Amino acid sequence: MEHHPAAAWLPEAASAVQQHGTGNLLRVVLIVMFLGCVLTAWFLLRGYKRKDD
């Protein structure tokens, strides 16, 4: 296992993004956005389940 300085990963990551495009980033953003919408809807709609006995 090679030892890389702490700052060496940043240029490698930048070049990887340029080579592979933003497909993975877009996929992650869409998944997080979808889960956020589902959790927000659950949080807002759970109040309507109360019974007024």
Protein backbone atom coordinates (compact mmCIF):
# COMPACT_ATOMS: atom_id res chain seq x y z
CA MET A 1 0.00 0.00 0.00
CA GLU A 2 1.47 3.29 -1.07
CA HIS A 3 1.58 6.32 1.16
CA HIS A 4 0.19 9.49 -0.40
CA PRO A 5 0.44 12.93 1.18
CA ALA A 6 -2.83 14.34 2.45
CA ALA A 7 -3.10 16.95 -0.31
CA ALA A 8 -2.41 14.47 -3.14
CA TRP A 9 -5.95 13.10 -3.29
CA LEU A 10 -7.51 16.42 -4.31
CA PRO A 11 -5.97 16.68 -7.80
CA GLU A 12 -6.64 12.99 -8.37
CA ALA A 13 -10.30 13.46 -7.45
CA ALA A 14 -10.58 16.50 -9.73
CA SER A 15 -9.12 14.59 -12.66
CA ALA A 16 -11.44 11.64 -11.97
CA VAL A 17 -14.46 13.95 -12.13
CA GLN A 18 -13.26 15.33 -15.45
CA GLN A 19 -12.79 11.84 -16.85
CA HIS A 20 -16.04 10.29 -15.63
CA GLY A 21 -18.29 13.33 -15.78
CA THR A 22 -20.87 14.28 -13.20
CA GLY A 23 -23.14 11.24 -13.55
CA ASN A 24 -22.42 9.84 -10.08
CA LEU A 25 -22.77 13.26 -8.44
CA LEU A 26 -26.09 13.86 -10.17
CA ARG A 27 -27.30 10.41 -9.13
CA VAL A 28 -26.42 11.07 -5.48
CA VAL A 29 -28.06 14.51 -5.54
CA LEU A 30 -31.27 13.07 -7.01
CA ILE A 31 -31.41 10.24 -4.46
CA VAL A 32 -30.86 12.62 -1.53
CA MET A 33 -33.47 15.01 -2.91
CA PHE A 34 -36.01 12.20 -3.32
CA LEU A 35 -35.39 10.89 0.21
CA GLY A 36 -35.66 14.42 1.58
CA CYS A 37 -39.03 14.89 -0.10
CA VAL A 38 -40.30 11.57 1.26
CA LEU A 39 -39.16 12.38 4.81
CA THR A 40 -40.64 15.89 4.61
CA ALA A 41 -43.98 14.54 3.39
CA TRP A 42 -44.00 11.92 6.17
CA PHE A 43 -43.19 14.57 8.79
CA LEU A 44 -45.90 16.95 7.58
CA LEU A 45 -48.60 14.32 7.02
CA ARG A 46 -48.15 12.39 10.26
CA GLY A 47 -50.02 15.11 12.12
CA TYR A 48 -53.23 14.32 10.22
CA LYS A 49 -53.29 10.83 11.72
CA ARG A 50 -54.27 12.07 15.21
CA LYS A 51 -57.67 11.19 16.58
CA ASP A 52 -59.69 13.95 18.25
CA ASP A 53 -61.38 11.85 20.92
